[in-house]
Protein backbone atom coordinates (compact mmCIF):
# COMPACT_ATOMS: atom_id res chain seq x y z
CA MET A 1 -17.86 -11.47 45.60
CA SER A 2 -21.62 -10.85 45.68
CA PHE A 3 -23.68 -10.53 42.52
CA ILE A 4 -24.40 -6.87 43.32
CA ARG A 5 -20.72 -6.11 43.86
CA MET A 6 -19.82 -7.90 40.61
CA ALA A 7 -22.45 -5.93 38.76
CA VAL A 8 -21.18 -2.65 40.19
CA THR A 9 -17.60 -3.54 39.26
CA ALA A 10 -18.61 -4.47 35.71
CA ALA A 11 -20.62 -1.28 35.36
CA ALA A 12 -17.68 0.79 36.58
CA ALA A 13 -15.37 -0.89 34.08
CA PHE A 14 -17.86 -0.30 31.27
CA THR A 15 -18.24 3.36 32.27
CA ALA A 16 -14.46 3.79 32.34
CA SER A 17 -14.23 2.22 28.89
CA ILE A 18 -16.84 4.59 27.50
CA ALA A 19 -15.11 7.56 29.10
CA MET A 20 -11.79 6.51 27.60
CA ALA A 21 -13.28 6.22 24.15
CA ALA A 22 -15.10 9.52 24.53
CA GLY A 23 -11.89 11.24 25.64
CA TYR A 24 -9.70 9.91 22.86
CA PRO A 25 -7.67 11.57 21.48
CA GLU A 26 -6.51 13.89 24.25
CA ARG A 27 -2.96 14.57 23.05
CA THR A 28 -0.83 14.46 19.92
CA VAL A 29 -1.19 11.36 17.75
CA THR A 30 1.81 10.31 15.65
CA ILE A 31 1.32 8.54 12.32
CA VAL A 32 4.55 6.75 11.40
CA VAL A 33 5.11 6.64 7.64
CA PRO A 34 7.78 4.02 6.82
CA TYR A 35 8.95 5.96 3.76
CA ALA A 36 11.12 9.01 3.19
CA PRO A 37 9.47 12.45 3.00
CA GLY A 38 8.04 13.48 -0.35
CA GLY A 39 6.18 11.43 -2.90
CA ALA A 40 2.56 10.38 -3.13
CA THR A 41 2.59 8.01 -0.15
CA ASP A 42 3.87 10.65 2.23
CA ALA A 43 1.52 13.26 0.77
CA GLY A 44 -1.48 10.98 1.23
CA ALA A 45 -0.60 10.36 4.87
CA ARG A 46 -0.28 14.09 5.51
CA LEU A 47 -3.66 14.81 3.92
CA VAL A 48 -5.32 12.25 6.18
CA ALA A 49 -3.43 13.51 9.25
CA GLN A 50 -4.57 17.07 8.54
CA ALA A 51 -8.17 15.94 8.14
CA LEU A 52 -8.11 14.02 11.43
CA GLN A 53 -6.52 16.99 13.19
CA LYS A 54 -9.20 19.34 11.91
CA GLN A 55 -11.91 16.91 12.93
CA SER A 56 -10.64 16.28 16.48
CA GLY A 57 -8.90 19.54 17.35
CA ILE A 58 -5.90 17.43 18.41
CA SER A 59 -2.56 17.38 16.58
CA PHE A 60 -2.02 14.45 14.22
CA ILE A 61 1.58 14.55 13.03
CA VAL A 62 3.43 12.48 10.44
CA GLU A 63 6.81 11.03 11.35
CA ASN A 64 8.83 9.60 8.47
CA VAL A 65 10.80 6.52 9.53
CA PRO A 66 12.18 4.95 6.32
CA GLY A 67 14.57 2.05 6.03
CA ALA A 68 14.89 -1.68 5.31
CA GLY A 69 11.91 -1.87 3.00
CA THR A 70 9.45 -0.24 5.46
CA THR A 71 10.41 -2.57 8.33
CA VAL A 72 12.15 0.09 10.46
CA GLY A 73 9.04 2.23 10.69
CA ALA A 74 6.79 -0.78 11.22
CA ALA A 75 9.03 -2.02 14.03
CA LYS A 76 8.80 1.34 15.78
CA VAL A 77 5.01 1.14 15.85
CA ALA A 78 5.09 -2.51 16.93
CA ARG A 79 7.17 -1.46 19.97
CA ALA A 80 5.02 1.58 20.81
CA ALA A 81 2.55 1.79 23.67
CA ALA A 82 -0.80 0.27 22.74
CA ASP A 83 -2.80 3.40 23.49
CA GLY A 84 -3.74 4.77 20.08
CA TYR A 85 -1.20 7.59 20.09
CA THR A 86 1.29 5.93 17.72
CA LEU A 87 -0.12 4.57 14.45
CA LEU A 88 1.34 2.97 11.34
CA TRP A 89 0.62 4.19 7.84
CA GLY A 90 0.89 0.62 6.65
CA GLY A 91 -0.16 -1.30 3.60
CA LEU A 92 0.84 -3.87 1.02
CA SER A 93 4.60 -3.40 1.38
CA SER A 94 4.87 -3.02 5.17
CA ASN A 95 2.20 -5.48 6.32
CA VAL A 96 2.26 -8.14 3.59
CA MET A 97 5.39 -8.21 1.44
CA ALA A 98 8.25 -7.04 3.65
CA PRO A 99 7.45 -9.44 6.52
CA GLN A 100 7.77 -12.35 4.09
CA ILE A 101 10.91 -11.05 2.39
CA TYR A 102 13.05 -9.95 5.35
CA ALA A 103 14.47 -12.97 7.14
CA LYS A 104 14.85 -11.45 10.58
CA LEU A 105 12.38 -8.92 11.94
CA PRO A 106 12.03 -7.74 15.56
CA PHE A 107 8.27 -8.25 15.39
CA ASP A 108 5.71 -10.72 14.08
CA ALA A 109 3.70 -8.87 11.46
CA ALA A 110 0.79 -11.28 11.76
CA SER A 111 0.25 -10.44 15.43
CA ALA A 112 1.95 -7.07 16.02
CA PHE A 113 -0.81 -4.76 14.81
CA GLU A 114 -4.49 -4.00 15.26
CA PRO A 115 -6.16 -3.16 11.93
CA VAL A 116 -7.93 0.21 12.06
CA SER A 117 -9.14 1.03 8.55
CA MET A 118 -8.22 0.82 4.92
CA ILE A 119 -7.37 4.29 3.59
CA ALA A 120 -6.84 4.10 -0.15
CA THR A 121 -5.91 1.91 -3.09
CA GLN A 122 -3.82 2.63 -6.16
CA PRO A 123 -3.42 0.41 -9.25
CA TYR A 124 -0.26 -0.16 -11.25
CA MET A 125 0.29 0.42 -14.93
CA LEU A 126 2.49 -1.41 -17.39
CA VAL A 127 4.63 1.18 -19.19
CA THR A 128 7.28 1.18 -21.87
CA GLN A 129 9.14 3.77 -23.95
CA ALA A 130 7.00 6.00 -26.11
CA ASN A 131 8.81 4.71 -29.23
CA SER A 132 8.70 1.09 -28.12
CA PRO A 133 7.67 -1.45 -30.77
CA PHE A 134 5.13 -2.85 -28.32
CA ARG A 135 1.68 -1.51 -29.18
CA ASN A 136 -0.05 -3.60 -26.53
CA VAL A 137 0.44 -6.42 -24.02
CA ALA A 138 0.07 -9.08 -26.72
CA ASP A 139 3.06 -7.64 -28.58
CA LEU A 140 5.22 -7.69 -25.46
CA VAL A 141 4.21 -11.25 -24.56
CA ALA A 142 4.80 -12.45 -28.12
CA ARG A 143 8.32 -10.97 -28.15
CA ALA A 144 9.13 -12.48 -24.78
CA LYS A 145 8.01 -15.92 -25.95
CA ALA A 146 9.89 -15.61 -29.23
CA GLU A 147 13.11 -14.52 -27.50
CA PRO A 148 13.06 -16.01 -23.97
CA GLY A 149 15.02 -14.03 -21.41
CA LYS A 150 15.98 -11.22 -23.80
CA LEU A 151 13.59 -8.62 -22.39
CA ASN A 152 14.36 -6.94 -19.09
CA PHE A 153 12.38 -4.87 -16.64
CA GLY A 154 13.23 -2.32 -13.99
CA SER A 155 11.84 -1.82 -10.51
CA PRO A 156 12.46 0.42 -7.49
CA GLY A 157 14.25 -2.49 -5.84
CA GLU A 158 14.35 -6.20 -5.08
CA GLY A 159 11.17 -7.21 -3.28
CA SER A 160 9.36 -3.93 -3.92
CA SER A 161 5.68 -4.10 -4.78
CA PRO A 162 6.30 -3.13 -8.46
CA HIS A 163 8.90 -5.91 -8.65
CA LEU A 164 6.50 -8.50 -7.26
CA THR A 165 3.66 -7.24 -9.45
CA THR A 166 5.91 -7.77 -12.47
CA GLU A 167 6.77 -11.27 -11.30
CA LEU A 168 3.05 -12.01 -11.00
CA PHE A 169 2.54 -10.72 -14.55
CA LEU A 170 5.40 -12.87 -15.86
CA ALA A 171 4.06 -15.95 -14.11
CA GLU A 172 0.52 -15.51 -15.39
CA SER A 173 1.76 -14.67 -18.91
CA ARG A 174 4.15 -17.65 -18.82
CA ILE A 175 7.09 -15.59 -19.98
CA THR A 176 10.50 -14.68 -18.58
CA ALA A 177 12.39 -11.39 -18.36
CA GLN A 178 15.50 -10.24 -16.53
CA HIS A 179 15.00 -8.10 -13.44
CA ILE A 180 17.15 -4.98 -13.04
CA PRO A 181 16.58 -3.40 -9.62
CA TYR A 182 17.25 0.30 -9.06
CA LYS A 183 17.42 2.40 -5.92
CA GLY A 184 14.00 3.94 -6.17
CA ALA A 185 11.21 4.65 -8.65
CA ALA A 186 12.83 7.72 -10.22
CA PRO A 187 16.00 5.98 -11.46
CA SER A 188 14.02 2.97 -12.68
CA LEU A 189 11.77 5.24 -14.75
CA ALA A 190 14.79 7.15 -16.05
CA ALA A 191 16.35 3.88 -17.16
CA LEU A 192 13.18 2.93 -19.00
CA ILE A 193 13.04 6.26 -20.82
CA ALA A 194 16.73 5.89 -21.73
CA GLY A 195 16.08 2.47 -23.22
CA ASP A 196 18.10 0.54 -20.64
CA THR A 197 15.06 -1.57 -19.77
CA SER A 198 12.17 -2.90 -21.86
CA PHE A 199 9.20 -2.28 -19.57
CA MET A 200 8.13 -1.83 -15.95
CA PHE A 201 5.17 -1.63 -13.63
CA ASP A 202 4.61 1.41 -11.46
CA THR A 203 1.80 3.25 -9.74
CA LEU A 204 0.29 6.12 -11.70
CA THR A 205 1.81 9.07 -9.85
CA ALA A 206 5.24 9.29 -11.50
CA PRO A 207 4.53 7.91 -15.01
CA MET A 208 1.41 9.97 -15.76
CA PRO A 209 3.26 13.28 -16.44
CA MET A 210 5.75 11.38 -18.62
CA ILE A 211 2.92 9.79 -20.58
CA ALA A 212 1.37 13.22 -21.09
CA ALA A 213 4.75 14.53 -22.25
CA GLY A 214 5.09 11.72 -24.80
CA ARG A 215 8.05 10.05 -23.11
CA LEU A 216 6.29 6.89 -21.94
CA LYS A 217 3.48 4.71 -23.26
CA ALA A 218 0.95 2.84 -21.11
CA LEU A 219 0.11 -0.66 -22.33
CA ALA A 220 -2.29 -1.71 -19.57
CA VAL A 221 -3.47 -1.10 -16.02
CA THR A 222 -3.69 -3.76 -13.30
CA SER A 223 -7.11 -2.76 -11.96
CA SER A 224 -10.22 -4.77 -12.80
CA ARG A 225 -11.70 -1.77 -14.62
CA ARG A 226 -10.28 0.90 -16.90
CA LEU A 227 -9.27 4.12 -15.19
CA PRO A 228 -11.10 7.39 -15.91
CA GLU A 229 -7.70 9.08 -16.28
CA LEU A 230 -6.72 6.58 -19.01
CA PRO A 231 -9.95 5.54 -20.75
CA ASP A 232 -8.13 4.21 -23.83
CA VAL A 233 -5.73 2.00 -21.86
CA PRO A 234 -7.07 -1.54 -21.37
CA THR A 235 -6.84 -3.61 -18.23
CA LEU A 236 -4.63 -6.68 -18.11
CA GLN A 237 -7.81 -8.73 -17.89
CA GLU A 238 -8.92 -7.26 -21.21
CA SER A 239 -5.44 -7.96 -22.55
CA GLY A 240 -5.72 -11.69 -22.06
CA LEU A 241 -4.89 -12.26 -18.37
CA ALA A 242 -8.25 -13.30 -16.96
CA GLY A 243 -8.66 -12.47 -13.29
CA PHE A 244 -5.51 -10.37 -13.02
CA ASP A 245 -6.13 -7.75 -10.34
CA ALA A 246 -3.22 -6.21 -8.46
CA TYR A 247 -2.95 -2.91 -6.67
CA THR A 248 -1.11 -1.29 -3.84
CA TRP A 249 -3.02 -0.13 -0.80
CA PHE A 250 -2.52 1.90 2.35
CA ALA A 251 -4.19 1.56 5.73
CA LEU A 252 -3.94 2.59 9.37
CA PHE A 253 -2.76 0.12 12.00
CA ALA A 254 -2.27 0.45 15.76
CA PRO A 255 0.00 -1.61 18.02
CA ARG A 256 -1.47 -4.94 19.10
CA GLY A 257 -3.41 -4.59 22.34
CA THR A 258 -4.77 -1.12 21.60
CA PRO A 259 -8.20 -0.99 23.32
CA ALA A 260 -11.08 -1.92 21.05
CA ASP A 261 -12.93 1.30 21.83
CA VAL A 262 -9.94 3.37 20.76
CA VAL A 263 -9.68 1.39 17.52
CA SER A 264 -13.42 1.92 16.97
CA THR A 265 -13.08 5.65 17.60
CA LEU A 266 -10.22 5.88 15.11
CA ASN A 267 -12.18 3.86 12.58
CA ARG A 268 -15.20 6.17 12.88
CA MET A 269 -12.98 9.22 12.50
CA VAL A 270 -11.25 7.86 9.40
CA THR A 271 -14.49 6.69 7.82
CA GLU A 272 -16.09 10.09 8.31
CA GLN A 273 -13.13 11.94 6.82
CA LEU A 274 -12.86 9.65 3.80
CA ARG A 275 -16.45 10.53 2.93
CA ASP A 276 -15.47 14.20 2.61
CA PRO A 277 -15.53 15.18 -1.09
CA ALA A 278 -12.71 17.68 -0.56
CA LEU A 279 -10.35 15.07 0.88
CA ARG A 280 -11.34 12.53 -1.77
CA ALA A 281 -10.56 15.10 -4.48
CA GLN A 282 -7.17 15.88 -2.94
CA MET A 283 -6.28 12.20 -2.71
CA ALA A 284 -7.42 11.68 -6.31
CA LYS A 285 -4.80 14.17 -7.49
CA SER A 286 -2.21 11.53 -6.57
CA TYR A 287 -4.41 8.81 -8.12
CA PHE A 288 -5.55 7.38 -4.79
CA THR A 289 -9.03 5.91 -4.54
CA THR A 290 -10.21 6.32 -0.96
CA ALA A 291 -11.55 3.10 0.53
CA ALA A 292 -12.53 3.07 4.21
CA SER A 293 -13.22 -0.31 5.81
CA THR A 294 -14.03 -1.93 9.12
CA PRO A 295 -11.09 -3.23 11.17
CA ALA A 296 -12.27 -6.80 10.52
CA ALA A 297 -12.41 -6.24 6.76
CA LEU A 298 -8.88 -4.81 6.79
CA GLY A 299 -7.69 -7.82 8.77
CA ASN A 300 -9.21 -10.11 6.15
CA THR A 301 -7.50 -8.11 3.39
CA VAL A 302 -4.12 -8.57 5.07
CA LYS A 303 -4.66 -12.35 5.31
CA ALA A 304 -5.83 -12.67 1.70
CA GLU A 305 -3.01 -10.51 0.33
CA THR A 306 -0.44 -12.39 2.40
CA ALA A 307 -1.56 -15.69 0.90
CA LYS A 308 -1.64 -14.22 -2.61
CA TRP A 309 1.88 -12.80 -2.59
CA ALA A 310 3.47 -15.62 -0.60
CA ALA A 311 3.35 -17.86 -3.65
CA ILE A 312 5.35 -15.43 -5.80
CA ILE A 313 7.84 -14.65 -3.04
CA LYS A 314 8.44 -18.35 -2.42
CA ALA A 315 8.62 -19.28 -6.11
CA LYS A 316 11.23 -16.61 -6.81
CA ASN A 317 13.03 -17.18 -3.49
CA ILE A 318 13.06 -13.45 -2.75
CA ARG A 319 14.76 -12.98 0.63
CA ARG A 320 16.65 -10.11 2.22
CA GLU A 321 18.59 -9.87 5.46
């Protein structure tokens, strides 16, 4: 092939690539949410989908595909055509924890997805009954050390992110407590209010109204800084656990092999929308902090979070079929 012919071929390929990126999206884009409808996670995905639809003039729809700790929805996206029209509303559970907990998955989480952009983060809070004798984290830790194994904690389920966050807290506090898994966040919070459990970690969405109603008490938050919504509640770092920083996060992923220009287009769209004060305010109502990123930065986050949580998962031998 002559140099001129090679140059023409390369130029044609480049032009086609630009045209593809410029034309995307041309039809409905589906965002698979690996959770049941309702709740803050689903609501956040729908807010972002609506913003992207308004921006592009193309339908962005949310499809809820719950099951097996987020792995059913993630598997559907992993199998989808790598064209940018099926995306995963992924995050800490689906892209970091579940792949290490479930023994047999029909996809390799480390290679099945193209990172698009971080969407939002959300810290956890350590809560107990409003009439609990624990005034702060030091009280809880002191009781646990004085009576090893007597305290218990609830979670939305074995291997859930609140469960693993609690295990991280126990490990760094050098205390033990019995885990009582429930089928979801609502029953685990109900058990705490009823006095069936001693404490638990959860994101802010469900506990905040109960704290306002005087039914729960917040002892600490897992973020590195105090939250504006809870200015009197210290961080775990302030409470004696230096360096403790844990949070859940959500991000967009595409199937592996999605063209780089399509990923770049999606990233630009998401970044632009997450700068919109109106969308940021709507997300904040569910205690999400919007946090756009480059695809490379998201990929690095996945690697770092995978390494961080692997130690806890291995130490506690948390496995599910």
